[in-house]
């Protein structure tokens, strides 16, 4: 037996279950509240539970990582758009999250998406995403600020 710890095979990823959600709730909720500070734990858990058995979402985990992506239809466009919602890893396991992008891209292709938006809310650097799945095209998004503070 080797004393060298090997990186887990990505085939150990699985769809998130209630047991998984309970086991990672502490760190996952904290990470999501960083970006959504007004969301309560109950709201986050309710939303995550609604994604678990919904075919519009790809919600998977390993022992130390978790990823959620979704697919949506764009009016008058023939193909849907897939979007990373988040890809997180427990501290010290960031490298374990990289292979999830390969599987996410495969899932998006099976959804007939022609675009997969990545680098949205992730512990994986853009250069590591590129190294995992190939070309990453960066396009700026333009937004209007609607909360009129005068």
C-alpha atoms as a PDB file:
ATOM      1  CA  UNK A   1       0.000   0.000   0.000  1.00  0.00           C
ATOM      2  CA  UNK A   2       1.288   3.441  -0.909  1.00  0.00           C
ATOM      3  CA  UNK A   3       1.692   6.219   1.632  1.00  0.00           C
ATOM      4  CA  UNK A   4       0.964   8.802  -1.059  1.00  0.00           C
ATOM      5  CA  UNK A   5      -2.489  10.367  -0.896  1.00  0.00           C
ATOM      6  CA  UNK A   6      -3.965  10.439  -4.375  1.00  0.00           C
ATOM      7  CA  UNK A   7      -6.558  12.869  -5.578  1.00  0.00           C
ATOM      8  CA  UNK A   8      -9.987  11.228  -5.573  1.00  0.00           C
ATOM      9  CA  UNK A   9     -11.290  10.034  -8.902  1.00  0.00           C
ATOM     10  CA  UNK A  10     -13.924  12.437 -10.193  1.00  0.00           C
ATOM     11  CA  UNK A  11     -16.217   9.460 -10.727  1.00  0.00           C
ATOM     12  CA  UNK A  12     -16.836   9.637  -6.987  1.00  0.00           C
ATOM     13  CA  UNK A  13     -19.056  12.677  -7.566  1.00  0.00           C
ATOM     14  CA  UNK A  14     -22.751  12.165  -6.920  1.00  0.00           C
ATOM     15  CA  UNK A  15     -26.018  14.069  -7.026  1.00  0.00           C
ATOM     16  CA  UNK A  16     -26.589  15.899  -3.764  1.00  0.00           C
ATOM     17  CA  UNK A  17     -28.973  14.152  -1.378  1.00  0.00           C
ATOM     18  CA  UNK A  18     -30.520  15.329   1.890  1.00  0.00           C
ATOM     19  CA  UNK A  19     -27.776  13.450   3.750  1.00  0.00           C
ATOM     20  CA  UNK A  20     -25.101  15.271   1.727  1.00  0.00           C
ATOM     21  CA  UNK A  21     -26.834  18.602   2.255  1.00  0.00           C
ATOM     22  CA  UNK A  22     -26.967  18.050   6.014  1.00  0.00           C
ATOM     23  CA  UNK A  23     -23.279  17.124   6.095  1.00  0.00           C
ATOM     24  CA  UNK A  24     -22.100  20.200   4.225  1.00  0.00           C
ATOM     25  CA  UNK A  25     -24.723  22.693   5.366  1.00  0.00           C
ATOM     26  CA  UNK A  26     -22.409  24.534   7.762  1.00  0.00           C
ATOM     27  CA  UNK A  27     -19.740  25.511   5.235  1.00  0.00           C
ATOM     28  CA  UNK A  28     -21.996  25.654   2.173  1.00  0.00           C
ATOM     29  CA  UNK A  29     -24.523  28.025   3.753  1.00  0.00           C
ATOM     30  CA  UNK A  30     -21.707  30.241   5.037  1.00  0.00           C
ATOM     31  CA  UNK A  31     -20.204  30.458   1.540  1.00  0.00           C
ATOM     32  CA  UNK A  32     -23.546  31.315  -0.045  1.00  0.00           C
ATOM     33  CA  UNK A  33     -24.285  33.950   2.614  1.00  0.00           C
ATOM     34  CA  UNK A  34     -21.007  35.693   1.696  1.00  0.00           C
ATOM     35  CA  UNK A  35     -22.581  36.611  -1.645  1.00  0.00           C
ATOM     36  CA  UNK A  36     -26.188  36.758  -0.420  1.00  0.00           C
ATOM     37  CA  UNK A  37     -25.957  38.237   3.097  1.00  0.00           C
ATOM     38  CA  UNK A  38     -29.690  38.902   3.430  1.00  0.00           C
ATOM     39  CA  UNK A  39     -30.601  35.259   2.768  1.00  0.00           C
ATOM     40  CA  UNK A  40     -31.359  33.222   5.875  1.00  0.00           C
ATOM     41  CA  UNK A  41     -30.126  29.685   6.380  1.00  0.00           C
ATOM     42  CA  UNK A  42     -33.686  28.413   5.989  1.00  0.00           C
ATOM     43  CA  UNK A  43     -34.092  30.236   2.656  1.00  0.00           C
ATOM     44  CA  UNK A  44     -30.810  28.845   1.338  1.00  0.00           C
ATOM     45  CA  UNK A  45     -31.585  25.282   2.413  1.00  0.00           C
ATOM     46  CA  UNK A  46     -35.078  25.532   0.902  1.00  0.00           C
ATOM     47  CA  UNK A  47     -33.659  26.779  -2.396  1.00  0.00           C
ATOM     48  CA  UNK A  48     -30.937  24.096  -2.472  1.00  0.00           C
ATOM     49  CA  UNK A  49     -33.511  21.398  -1.727  1.00  0.00           C
ATOM     50  CA  UNK A  50     -35.605  22.625  -4.649  1.00  0.00           C
ATOM     51  CA  UNK A  51     -32.583  22.135  -6.933  1.00  0.00           C
ATOM     52  CA  UNK A  52     -31.853  18.577  -5.798  1.00  0.00           C
ATOM     53  CA  UNK A  53     -34.376  16.659  -7.911  1.00  0.00           C
ATOM     54  CA  UNK A  54     -34.940  19.266 -10.585  1.00  0.00           C
ATOM     55  CA  UNK A  55     -33.641  18.348 -14.039  1.00  0.00           C
ATOM     56  CA  UNK A  56     -33.045  22.029 -14.797  1.00  0.00           C
ATOM     57  CA  UNK A  57     -30.162  21.885 -12.310  1.00  0.00           C
ATOM     58  CA  UNK A  58     -26.943  19.896 -12.013  1.00  0.00           C
ATOM     59  CA  UNK A  59     -26.307  19.722  -8.251  1.00  0.00           C
ATOM     60  CA  UNK A  60     -23.431  17.391  -7.394  1.00  0.00           C
ATOM     61  CA  UNK A  61     -20.808  16.902  -4.732  1.00  0.00           C
ATOM     62  CA  UNK A  62     -17.809  14.882  -3.670  1.00  0.00           C
ATOM     63  CA  UNK A  63     -16.642  14.479  -0.100  1.00  0.00           C
ATOM     64  CA  UNK A  64     -14.984  17.918  -0.209  1.00  0.00           C
ATOM     65  CA  UNK A  65     -16.615  19.826  -3.085  1.00  0.00           C
ATOM     66  CA  UNK A  66     -20.022  20.960  -4.247  1.00  0.00           C
ATOM     67  CA  UNK A  67     -21.218  22.358  -7.573  1.00  0.00           C
ATOM     68  CA  UNK A  68     -24.500  23.709  -8.851  1.00  0.00           C
ATOM     69  CA  UNK A  69     -25.303  24.695 -12.427  1.00  0.00           C
ATOM     70  CA  UNK A  70     -28.572  25.455 -14.128  1.00  0.00           C
ATOM     71  CA  UNK A  71     -29.987  25.609 -17.617  1.00  0.00           C
ATOM     72  CA  UNK A  72     -32.441  28.202 -18.874  1.00  0.00           C
ATOM     73  CA  UNK A  73     -34.217  28.998 -22.094  1.00  0.00           C
ATOM     74  CA  UNK A  74     -33.617  32.347 -23.739  1.00  0.00           C
ATOM     75  CA  UNK A  75     -36.639  33.719 -25.642  1.00  0.00           C
ATOM     76  CA  UNK A  76     -36.396  33.179 -29.409  1.00  0.00           C
ATOM     77  CA  UNK A  77     -33.086  31.323 -29.104  1.00  0.00           C
ATOM     78  CA  UNK A  78     -33.072  27.726 -30.364  1.00  0.00           C
ATOM     79  CA  UNK A  79     -30.782  26.384 -27.637  1.00  0.00           C
ATOM     80  CA  UNK A  80     -30.677  26.866 -23.873  1.00  0.00           C
ATOM     81  CA  UNK A  81     -27.858  28.500 -21.928  1.00  0.00           C
ATOM     82  CA  UNK A  82     -26.193  26.639 -19.059  1.00  0.00           C
ATOM     83  CA  UNK A  83     -24.733  28.598 -16.165  1.00  0.00           C
ATOM     84  CA  UNK A  84     -22.526  27.769 -13.238  1.00  0.00           C
ATOM     85  CA  UNK A  85     -24.215  28.949 -10.063  1.00  0.00           C
ATOM     86  CA  UNK A  86     -21.332  27.947  -7.812  1.00  0.00           C
ATOM     87  CA  UNK A  87     -18.409  25.551  -7.495  1.00  0.00           C
ATOM     88  CA  UNK A  88     -17.059  25.361  -3.942  1.00  0.00           C
ATOM     89  CA  UNK A  89     -14.480  23.284  -2.110  1.00  0.00           C
ATOM     90  CA  UNK A  90     -13.688  22.894   1.530  1.00  0.00           C
ATOM     91  CA  UNK A  91     -10.478  24.763   2.423  1.00  0.00           C
ATOM     92  CA  UNK A  92      -7.439  22.847   1.198  1.00  0.00           C
ATOM     93  CA  UNK A  93      -9.425  20.891  -1.422  1.00  0.00           C
ATOM     94  CA  UNK A  94      -9.714  23.507  -4.174  1.00  0.00           C
ATOM     95  CA  UNK A  95      -7.898  21.277  -6.679  1.00  0.00           C
ATOM     96  CA  UNK A  96     -10.574  18.623  -6.181  1.00  0.00           C
ATOM     97  CA  UNK A  97     -13.169  21.003  -7.644  1.00  0.00           C
ATOM     98  CA  UNK A  98     -11.438  21.484 -11.013  1.00  0.00           C
ATOM     99  CA  UNK A  99     -12.588  18.181 -12.591  1.00  0.00           C
ATOM    100  CA  UNK A 100     -16.209  19.085 -11.866  1.00  0.00           C
ATOM    101  CA  UNK A 101     -16.003  21.550 -14.749  1.00  0.00           C
ATOM    102  CA  UNK A 102     -15.420  18.722 -17.224  1.00  0.00           C
ATOM    103  CA  UNK A 103     -18.533  16.957 -15.938  1.00  0.00           C
ATOM    104  CA  UNK A 104     -20.496  20.214 -15.878  1.00  0.00           C
ATOM    105  CA  UNK A 105     -19.613  20.810 -19.541  1.00  0.00           C
ATOM    106  CA  UNK A 106     -20.763  17.290 -20.393  1.00  0.00           C
ATOM    107  CA  UNK A 107     -24.059  17.835 -18.553  1.00  0.00           C
ATOM    108  CA  UNK A 108     -24.580  21.170 -20.355  1.00  0.00           C
ATOM    109  CA  UNK A 109     -23.987  19.513 -23.734  1.00  0.00           C
ATOM    110  CA  UNK A 110     -26.586  16.839 -22.881  1.00  0.00           C
ATOM    111  CA  UNK A 111     -29.008  19.675 -22.149  1.00  0.00           C
ATOM    112  CA  UNK A 112     -28.299  20.868 -25.727  1.00  0.00           C
ATOM    113  CA  UNK A 113     -26.801  24.109 -24.431  1.00  0.00           C
ATOM    114  CA  UNK A 114     -24.358  25.828 -26.751  1.00  0.00           C
ATOM    115  CA  UNK A 115     -22.955  28.088 -24.017  1.00  0.00           C
ATOM    116  CA  UNK A 116     -21.829  27.264 -20.490  1.00  0.00           C
ATOM    117  CA  UNK A 117     -21.223  30.385 -18.412  1.00  0.00           C
ATOM    118  CA  UNK A 118     -18.445  29.712 -15.873  1.00  0.00           C
ATOM    119  CA  UNK A 119     -16.283  31.580 -13.348  1.00  0.00           C
ATOM    120  CA  UNK A 120     -19.387  32.966 -11.666  1.00  0.00           C
ATOM    121  CA  UNK A 121     -18.947  32.014  -7.992  1.00  0.00           C
ATOM    122  CA  UNK A 122     -16.112  29.530  -7.728  1.00  0.00           C
ATOM    123  CA  UNK A 123     -13.051  28.442  -5.807  1.00  0.00           C
ATOM    124  CA  UNK A 124     -11.331  27.492  -9.077  1.00  0.00           C
ATOM    125  CA  UNK A 125      -9.266  30.105 -10.899  1.00  0.00           C
ATOM    126  CA  UNK A 126     -10.113  30.951 -14.497  1.00  0.00           C
ATOM    127  CA  UNK A 127      -6.714  29.641 -15.617  1.00  0.00           C
ATOM    128  CA  UNK A 128      -7.423  26.305 -13.922  1.00  0.00           C
ATOM    129  CA  UNK A 129     -10.883  26.153 -15.503  1.00  0.00           C
ATOM    130  CA  UNK A 130      -9.205  26.778 -18.866  1.00  0.00           C
ATOM    131  CA  UNK A 131      -6.649  24.042 -18.176  1.00  0.00           C
ATOM    132  CA  UNK A 132      -9.455  21.619 -17.314  1.00  0.00           C
ATOM    133  CA  UNK A 133     -11.931  22.258 -20.140  1.00  0.00           C
ATOM    134  CA  UNK A 134     -10.060  24.245 -22.790  1.00  0.00           C
ATOM    135  CA  UNK A 135     -10.854  27.647 -24.200  1.00  0.00           C
ATOM    136  CA  UNK A 136     -12.648  30.106 -21.932  1.00  0.00           C
ATOM    137  CA  UNK A 137     -14.024  33.202 -23.615  1.00  0.00           C
ATOM    138  CA  UNK A 138     -14.418  36.281 -21.431  1.00  0.00           C
ATOM    139  CA  UNK A 139     -17.195  38.728 -22.344  1.00  0.00           C
ATOM    140  CA  UNK A 140     -18.158  41.686 -20.182  1.00  0.00           C
ATOM    141  CA  UNK A 141     -21.732  41.985 -18.967  1.00  0.00           C
ATOM    142  CA  UNK A 142     -23.440  45.349 -18.954  1.00  0.00           C
ATOM    143  CA  UNK A 143     -25.898  46.142 -16.163  1.00  0.00           C
ATOM    144  CA  UNK A 144     -28.070  49.046 -15.102  1.00  0.00           C
ATOM    145  CA  UNK A 145     -28.212  49.950 -11.431  1.00  0.00           C
ATOM    146  CA  UNK A 146     -31.902  50.139 -10.526  1.00  0.00           C
ATOM    147  CA  UNK A 147     -31.821  51.083  -6.856  1.00  0.00           C
ATOM    148  CA  UNK A 148     -32.166  54.817  -7.224  1.00  0.00           C
ATOM    149  CA  UNK A 149     -30.344  56.428  -4.308  1.00  0.00           C
ATOM    150  CA  UNK A 150     -30.620  60.175  -4.595  1.00  0.00           C
END
